C-alpha atoms as a PDB file:
ATOM      1  CA  UNK A   1     -19.778   1.078  -2.750  1.00  0.00           C
ATOM      2  CA  UNK A   2     -18.135  -1.805  -4.544  1.00  0.00           C
ATOM      3  CA  UNK A   3     -14.395  -2.600  -4.553  1.00  0.00           C
ATOM      4  CA  UNK A   4     -12.719  -5.007  -6.972  1.00  0.00           C
ATOM      5  CA  UNK A   5      -9.681  -6.696  -5.412  1.00  0.00           C
ATOM      6  CA  UNK A   6      -7.191  -9.475  -6.124  1.00  0.00           C
ATOM      7  CA  UNK A   7      -5.508 -11.685  -3.502  1.00  0.00           C
ATOM      8  CA  UNK A   8      -2.557 -10.178  -1.646  1.00  0.00           C
ATOM      9  CA  UNK A   9      -2.678  -6.843  -3.478  1.00  0.00           C
ATOM     10  CA  UNK A  10      -0.800  -4.160  -1.548  1.00  0.00           C
ATOM     11  CA  UNK A  11      -2.546  -1.361  -3.439  1.00  0.00           C
ATOM     12  CA  UNK A  12      -5.881  -2.887  -2.429  1.00  0.00           C
ATOM     13  CA  UNK A  13      -4.821  -2.877   1.218  1.00  0.00           C
ATOM     14  CA  UNK A  14      -4.228   0.860   0.959  1.00  0.00           C
ATOM     15  CA  UNK A  15      -7.925   1.292   0.196  1.00  0.00           C
ATOM     16  CA  UNK A  16      -9.336  -1.229   2.658  1.00  0.00           C
ATOM     17  CA  UNK A  17      -7.446   0.565   5.441  1.00  0.00           C
ATOM     18  CA  UNK A  18      -8.891   3.920   4.372  1.00  0.00           C
ATOM     19  CA  UNK A  19     -12.452   2.627   3.992  1.00  0.00           C
ATOM     20  CA  UNK A  20     -12.410   1.098   7.468  1.00  0.00           C
ATOM     21  CA  UNK A  21     -10.886   4.261   8.942  1.00  0.00           C
ATOM     22  CA  UNK A  22     -13.713   6.336   7.489  1.00  0.00           C
ATOM     23  CA  UNK A  23     -16.339   3.768   8.421  1.00  0.00           C
ATOM     24  CA  UNK A  24     -17.601   3.438   4.848  1.00  0.00           C
ATOM     25  CA  UNK A  25     -19.461   0.219   3.986  1.00  0.00           C
ATOM     26  CA  UNK A  26     -18.214  -1.554   0.876  1.00  0.00           C
ATOM     27  CA  UNK A  27     -18.763  -4.823  -0.947  1.00  0.00           C
ATOM     28  CA  UNK A  28     -15.575  -6.625  -1.977  1.00  0.00           C
ATOM     29  CA  UNK A  29     -15.388  -8.667  -5.166  1.00  0.00           C
ATOM     30  CA  UNK A  30     -12.400 -10.987  -5.415  1.00  0.00           C
ATOM     31  CA  UNK A  31     -11.043 -11.106  -8.960  1.00  0.00           C
ATOM     32  CA  UNK A  32      -8.951 -13.925 -10.389  1.00  0.00           C
ATOM     33  CA  UNK A  33      -5.598 -12.307 -11.336  1.00  0.00           C
ATOM     34  CA  UNK A  34      -5.553 -14.510 -14.445  1.00  0.00           C
ATOM     35  CA  UNK A  35      -8.932 -13.248 -15.680  1.00  0.00           C
ATOM     36  CA  UNK A  36      -9.532  -9.526 -15.281  1.00  0.00           C
ATOM     37  CA  UNK A  37     -12.320  -9.307 -17.824  1.00  0.00           C
ATOM     38  CA  UNK A  38     -14.774  -7.861 -15.311  1.00  0.00           C
ATOM     39  CA  UNK A  39     -12.285  -5.222 -14.182  1.00  0.00           C
ATOM     40  CA  UNK A  40     -11.726  -4.147 -17.801  1.00  0.00           C
ATOM     41  CA  UNK A  41     -15.457  -4.019 -18.436  1.00  0.00           C
ATOM     42  CA  UNK A  42     -16.024  -1.792 -15.419  1.00  0.00           C
ATOM     43  CA  UNK A  43     -13.009   0.523 -15.626  1.00  0.00           C
ATOM     44  CA  UNK A  44     -11.486   0.256 -19.113  1.00  0.00           C
ATOM     45  CA  UNK A  45      -8.190  -1.014 -17.673  1.00  0.00           C
ATOM     46  CA  UNK A  46      -7.100  -4.127 -15.775  1.00  0.00           C
ATOM     47  CA  UNK A  47      -5.383  -2.918 -12.603  1.00  0.00           C
ATOM     48  CA  UNK A  48      -6.946  -3.108  -9.157  1.00  0.00           C
ATOM     49  CA  UNK A  49      -8.218  -1.715  -6.921  1.00  0.00           C
ATOM     50  CA  UNK A  50     -11.240  -0.362  -8.751  1.00  0.00           C
ATOM     51  CA  UNK A  51     -13.917   1.427  -6.742  1.00  0.00           C
ATOM     52  CA  UNK A  52     -17.483   1.813  -7.973  1.00  0.00           C
ATOM     53  CA  UNK A  53     -19.207   4.424  -5.832  1.00  0.00           C
ATOM     54  CA  UNK A  54     -22.875   4.430  -4.931  1.00  0.00           C
ATOM     55  CA  UNK A  55     -23.638   6.928  -7.696  1.00  0.00           C
ATOM     56  CA  UNK A  56     -21.894   4.775 -10.301  1.00  0.00           C
ATOM     57  CA  UNK A  57     -18.657   6.767 -10.360  1.00  0.00           C
ATOM     58  CA  UNK A  58     -15.740   4.476 -11.237  1.00  0.00           C
ATOM     59  CA  UNK A  59     -12.324   5.289  -9.776  1.00  0.00           C
ATOM     60  CA  UNK A  60      -9.039   3.391 -10.130  1.00  0.00           C
ATOM     61  CA  UNK A  61      -5.401   3.923  -9.061  1.00  0.00           C
ATOM     62  CA  UNK A  62      -5.050   3.738  -5.291  1.00  0.00           C
ATOM     63  CA  UNK A  63      -3.877   7.338  -4.610  1.00  0.00           C
ATOM     64  CA  UNK A  64      -6.738   8.644  -6.745  1.00  0.00           C
ATOM     65  CA  UNK A  65      -9.203   6.447  -4.870  1.00  0.00           C
ATOM     66  CA  UNK A  66      -7.891   7.792  -1.554  1.00  0.00           C
ATOM     67  CA  UNK A  67      -8.491  11.361  -2.725  1.00  0.00           C
ATOM     68  CA  UNK A  68     -11.965  10.397  -3.931  1.00  0.00           C
ATOM     69  CA  UNK A  69     -12.815   8.934  -0.529  1.00  0.00           C
ATOM     70  CA  UNK A  70     -11.510  12.072   1.188  1.00  0.00           C
ATOM     71  CA  UNK A  71     -13.679  14.317  -0.980  1.00  0.00           C
ATOM     72  CA  UNK A  72     -16.691  12.061  -0.542  1.00  0.00           C
ATOM     73  CA  UNK A  73     -16.302  11.683   3.234  1.00  0.00           C
ATOM     74  CA  UNK A  74     -13.991  14.350   4.739  1.00  0.00           C
ATOM     75  CA  UNK A  75     -14.326  13.053   8.312  1.00  0.00           C
ATOM     76  CA  UNK A  76     -12.279  11.561   9.767  1.00  0.00           C
ATOM     77  CA  UNK A  77      -9.641  13.165   7.559  1.00  0.00           C
ATOM     78  CA  UNK A  78      -6.783  11.447   5.748  1.00  0.00           C
ATOM     79  CA  UNK A  79      -5.248  14.798   4.779  1.00  0.00           C
ATOM     80  CA  UNK A  80      -4.587  17.831   7.030  1.00  0.00           C
ATOM     81  CA  UNK A  81      -6.655  20.987   6.588  1.00  0.00           C
ATOM     82  CA  UNK A  82      -3.633  23.264   6.310  1.00  0.00           C
ATOM     83  CA  UNK A  83      -2.824  23.730   2.583  1.00  0.00           C
ATOM     84  CA  UNK A  84       0.951  23.600   3.094  1.00  0.00           C
ATOM     85  CA  UNK A  85       0.770  20.415   5.148  1.00  0.00           C
ATOM     86  CA  UNK A  86      -1.588  18.882   2.604  1.00  0.00           C
ATOM     87  CA  UNK A  87       0.884  19.708  -0.156  1.00  0.00           C
ATOM     88  CA  UNK A  88       3.702  18.104   1.856  1.00  0.00           C
ATOM     89  CA  UNK A  89       1.660  14.927   2.227  1.00  0.00           C
ATOM     90  CA  UNK A  90       0.985  14.937  -1.524  1.00  0.00           C
ATOM     91  CA  UNK A  91       4.738  15.211  -2.130  1.00  0.00           C
ATOM     92  CA  UNK A  92       5.329  12.194   0.136  1.00  0.00           C
ATOM     93  CA  UNK A  93       2.727  10.143  -1.733  1.00  0.00           C
ATOM     94  CA  UNK A  94       4.212  11.084  -5.082  1.00  0.00           C
ATOM     95  CA  UNK A  95       7.742  10.280  -3.850  1.00  0.00           C
ATOM     96  CA  UNK A  96       6.694   6.928  -2.455  1.00  0.00           C
ATOM     97  CA  UNK A  97       4.936   5.859  -5.647  1.00  0.00           C
ATOM     98  CA  UNK A  98       7.388   7.224  -8.200  1.00  0.00           C
ATOM     99  CA  UNK A  99      10.707   6.887  -6.377  1.00  0.00           C
ATOM    100  CA  UNK A 100      10.554   4.497  -3.419  1.00  0.00           C
ATOM    101  CA  UNK A 101       8.619   1.759  -5.230  1.00  0.00           C
ATOM    102  CA  UNK A 102      10.953   1.763  -8.236  1.00  0.00           C
ATOM    103  CA  UNK A 103      13.776  -0.414  -6.777  1.00  0.00           C
ATOM    104  CA  UNK A 104      11.554  -3.319  -5.633  1.00  0.00           C
ATOM    105  CA  UNK A 105       9.758  -3.288  -8.974  1.00  0.00           C
ATOM    106  CA  UNK A 106      13.071  -3.324 -10.836  1.00  0.00           C
ATOM    107  CA  UNK A 107      14.390  -6.142  -8.635  1.00  0.00           C
ATOM    108  CA  UNK A 108      11.289  -8.257  -9.283  1.00  0.00           C
ATOM    109  CA  UNK A 109      11.664  -7.630 -13.020  1.00  0.00           C
ATOM    110  CA  UNK A 110      15.370  -8.569 -12.886  1.00  0.00           C
ATOM    111  CA  UNK A 111      14.701 -11.746 -10.916  1.00  0.00           C
ATOM    112  CA  UNK A 112      12.163 -12.820 -13.530  1.00  0.00           C
ATOM    113  CA  UNK A 113      14.862 -12.889 -16.233  1.00  0.00           C
ATOM    114  CA  UNK A 114      16.596 -16.147 -17.241  1.00  0.00           C
ATOM    115  CA  UNK A 115      19.952 -14.763 -16.050  1.00  0.00           C
ATOM    116  CA  UNK A 116      19.383 -12.086 -13.384  1.00  0.00           C
ATOM    117  CA  UNK A 117      22.081  -9.481 -12.787  1.00  0.00           C
ATOM    118  CA  UNK A 118      22.889 -10.163  -9.128  1.00  0.00           C
ATOM    119  CA  UNK A 119      25.007  -7.036  -8.842  1.00  0.00           C
ATOM    120  CA  UNK A 120      22.134  -4.842  -9.964  1.00  0.00           C
ATOM    121  CA  UNK A 121      19.757  -6.639  -7.612  1.00  0.00           C
ATOM    122  CA  UNK A 122      22.133  -6.117  -4.694  1.00  0.00           C
ATOM    123  CA  UNK A 123      22.597  -2.404  -5.470  1.00  0.00           C
ATOM    124  CA  UNK A 124      18.852  -1.795  -5.739  1.00  0.00           C
ATOM    125  CA  UNK A 125      18.193  -3.865  -2.636  1.00  0.00           C
ATOM    126  CA  UNK A 126      20.718  -1.939  -0.598  1.00  0.00           C
ATOM    127  CA  UNK A 127      18.968   1.298  -1.551  1.00  0.00           C
ATOM    128  CA  UNK A 128      15.722  -0.183  -0.193  1.00  0.00           C
ATOM    129  CA  UNK A 129      17.388  -1.137   3.071  1.00  0.00           C
ATOM    130  CA  UNK A 130      18.927   2.320   3.403  1.00  0.00           C
ATOM    131  CA  UNK A 131      15.508   3.942   2.988  1.00  0.00           C
ATOM    132  CA  UNK A 132      14.393   2.483   6.322  1.00  0.00           C
ATOM    133  CA  UNK A 133      16.492   5.093   8.128  1.00  0.00           C
ATOM    134  CA  UNK A 134      14.315   7.804   6.580  1.00  0.00           C
ATOM    135  CA  UNK A 135      11.095   6.232   7.855  1.00  0.00           C
ATOM    136  CA  UNK A 136      12.641   5.745  11.284  1.00  0.00           C
ATOM    137  CA  UNK A 137      13.387   9.489  11.389  1.00  0.00           C
ATOM    138  CA  UNK A 138       9.881  10.361  10.178  1.00  0.00           C
ATOM    139  CA  UNK A 139       8.495   8.501  13.179  1.00  0.00           C
ATOM    140  CA  UNK A 140      10.668  10.325  15.715  1.00  0.00           C
ATOM    141  CA  UNK A 141       8.380  11.764  18.390  1.00  0.00           C
ATOM    142  CA  UNK A 142       5.134  10.869  16.650  1.00  0.00           C
ATOM    143  CA  UNK A 143       2.849   7.883  16.212  1.00  0.00           C
ATOM    144  CA  UNK A 144       2.372   7.979  12.449  1.00  0.00           C
ATOM    145  CA  UNK A 145       4.299   9.015   9.367  1.00  0.00           C
ATOM    146  CA  UNK A 146       2.744  12.471   9.181  1.00  0.00           C
ATOM    147  CA  UNK A 147       2.076  13.202  12.823  1.00  0.00           C
ATOM    148  CA  UNK A 148       0.150  11.652  15.667  1.00  0.00           C
ATOM    149  CA  UNK A 149      -2.931  11.051  13.550  1.00  0.00           C
ATOM    150  CA  UNK A 150      -3.439   8.300  10.977  1.00  0.00           C
ATOM    151  CA  UNK A 151      -3.279   9.722   7.439  1.00  0.00           C
ATOM    152  CA  UNK A 152      -3.093   8.935   3.747  1.00  0.00           C
ATOM    153  CA  UNK A 153       0.690   8.601   4.151  1.00  0.00           C
ATOM    154  CA  UNK A 154       0.168   5.577   6.387  1.00  0.00           C
ATOM    155  CA  UNK A 155      -2.316   4.051   3.947  1.00  0.00           C
ATOM    156  CA  UNK A 156       0.157   4.504   1.093  1.00  0.00           C
ATOM    157  CA  UNK A 157       3.287   3.163   2.800  1.00  0.00           C
ATOM    158  CA  UNK A 158       2.164   0.550   5.315  1.00  0.00           C
ATOM    159  CA  UNK A 159       1.222  -2.300   2.943  1.00  0.00           C
ATOM    160  CA  UNK A 160       4.773  -2.243   1.572  1.00  0.00           C
ATOM    161  CA  UNK A 161       6.782  -1.451   4.710  1.00  0.00           C
ATOM    162  CA  UNK A 162       5.014  -4.118   6.766  1.00  0.00           C
ATOM    163  CA  UNK A 163       7.374  -6.660   5.186  1.00  0.00           C
ATOM    164  CA  UNK A 164      10.166  -5.264   7.341  1.00  0.00           C
ATOM    165  CA  UNK A 165       8.741  -7.524  10.058  1.00  0.00           C
ATOM    166  CA  UNK A 166       8.561 -10.632   7.905  1.00  0.00           C
ATOM    167  CA  UNK A 167       6.365 -12.426   5.382  1.00  0.00           C
ATOM    168  CA  UNK A 168       3.542 -14.939   5.584  1.00  0.00           C
ATOM    169  CA  UNK A 169       4.893 -18.433   4.949  1.00  0.00           C
ATOM    170  CA  UNK A 170       2.156 -18.989   2.347  1.00  0.00           C
ATOM    171  CA  UNK A 171       2.953 -15.799   0.432  1.00  0.00           C
ATOM    172  CA  UNK A 172       4.825 -16.832  -2.711  1.00  0.00           C
ATOM    173  CA  UNK A 173       4.390 -13.517  -4.522  1.00  0.00           C
ATOM    174  CA  UNK A 174       7.800 -12.510  -5.907  1.00  0.00           C
ATOM    175  CA  UNK A 175       7.341  -8.786  -5.257  1.00  0.00           C
ATOM    176  CA  UNK A 176       6.441  -9.455  -1.635  1.00  0.00           C
ATOM    177  CA  UNK A 177       9.469 -11.713  -1.231  1.00  0.00           C
ATOM    178  CA  UNK A 178      11.651  -8.897  -2.570  1.00  0.00           C
ATOM    179  CA  UNK A 179      10.201  -6.542   0.035  1.00  0.00           C
ATOM    180  CA  UNK A 180      10.739  -9.032   2.849  1.00  0.00           C
ATOM    181  CA  UNK A 181      14.337  -9.740   1.815  1.00  0.00           C
ATOM    182  CA  UNK A 182      15.537  -6.160   1.558  1.00  0.00           C
ATOM    183  CA  UNK A 183      13.408  -4.487   4.228  1.00  0.00           C
ATOM    184  CA  UNK A 184      14.079  -7.007   6.992  1.00  0.00           C
ATOM    185  CA  UNK A 185      15.313  -5.086  10.009  1.00  0.00           C
ATOM    186  CA  UNK A 186      15.922  -5.225  13.731  1.00  0.00           C
ATOM    187  CA  UNK A 187      17.524  -1.777  13.832  1.00  0.00           C
ATOM    188  CA  UNK A 188      14.447   0.418  13.409  1.00  0.00           C
ATOM    189  CA  UNK A 189      12.333   0.159  16.574  1.00  0.00           C
ATOM    190  CA  UNK A 190      10.062   3.129  15.821  1.00  0.00           C
ATOM    191  CA  UNK A 191       9.296   1.710  12.383  1.00  0.00           C
ATOM    192  CA  UNK A 192       8.568  -1.715  13.886  1.00  0.00           C
ATOM    193  CA  UNK A 193       6.206  -0.190  16.463  1.00  0.00           C
ATOM    194  CA  UNK A 194       4.419   1.786  13.747  1.00  0.00           C
ATOM    195  CA  UNK A 195       3.987  -1.343  11.607  1.00  0.00           C
ATOM    196  CA  UNK A 196       2.438  -3.214  14.534  1.00  0.00           C
ATOM    197  CA  UNK A 197       0.236  -0.231  15.396  1.00  0.00           C
ATOM    198  CA  UNK A 198      -1.145   0.155  11.876  1.00  0.00           C
ATOM    199  CA  UNK A 199      -1.521  -3.588  11.439  1.00  0.00           C
ATOM    200  CA  UNK A 200      -3.956  -3.579  14.369  1.00  0.00           C
ATOM    201  CA  UNK A 201      -6.307  -1.321  12.410  1.00  0.00           C
ATOM    202  CA  UNK A 202      -9.379  -2.855  10.792  1.00  0.00           C
ATOM    203  CA  UNK A 203      -9.712  -3.273   7.038  1.00  0.00           C
ATOM    204  CA  UNK A 204     -12.905  -2.942   5.028  1.00  0.00           C
ATOM    205  CA  UNK A 205     -14.686  -6.269   4.932  1.00  0.00           C
ATOM    206  CA  UNK A 206     -13.002  -7.234   8.234  1.00  0.00           C
ATOM    207  CA  UNK A 207     -10.308  -9.126   6.362  1.00  0.00           C
ATOM    208  CA  UNK A 208      -6.667  -8.355   5.706  1.00  0.00           C
ATOM    209  CA  UNK A 209      -5.658  -8.656   2.086  1.00  0.00           C
ATOM    210  CA  UNK A 210      -2.892 -11.137   2.909  1.00  0.00           C
ATOM    211  CA  UNK A 211      -5.565 -13.405   4.396  1.00  0.00           C
ATOM    212  CA  UNK A 212      -7.496 -13.659   1.124  1.00  0.00           C
ATOM    213  CA  UNK A 213      -7.051 -17.131  -0.256  1.00  0.00           C
ATOM    214  CA  UNK A 214      -5.498 -17.528  -3.682  1.00  0.00           C
ATOM    215  CA  UNK A 215      -6.068 -20.530  -5.936  1.00  0.00           C
END
């Protein structure tokens, strides 16, 4: 398999966690964010990650790639066997992508304007901070977001929530700085333990995405 990545991509880290968990070998190709010609040639769009499977199948969009990997290699599983539990996990993934990620994206967009609306930024940021209580409750009495076993929910959420424990001093990515500012916490011990626990997991290629050098 072949995976196209860009430096410090959180959606890429979702996939490298899953690939390592399933023990699937993959070749990583680092793409210059300023020139995504190769990504467009391969997938018809310019977002990463893009996975090219051994049979030539091309898959993009991180949740779709996770499902593809699950179908291709069911063990160890990222989704539960029980249909109702699987549906609940799908609801979490959809909520995280469509609802939870909206405020940090809107904040980053606002901060990129010549005259940012600080009131709007503060309101959106406070909603991000408040969301940490929900994750703290999800981790009550269990090791991971969907139970004691690692799952697709952890792959989806961890790359973003890890910023609750701080940011790499060399990371100048605006979106990541937004996450670090509004997720910073010392009041969510279960969440902090989960972040450290997941961060100890290997990534495909034996490299964490935040360690990839950027020009």
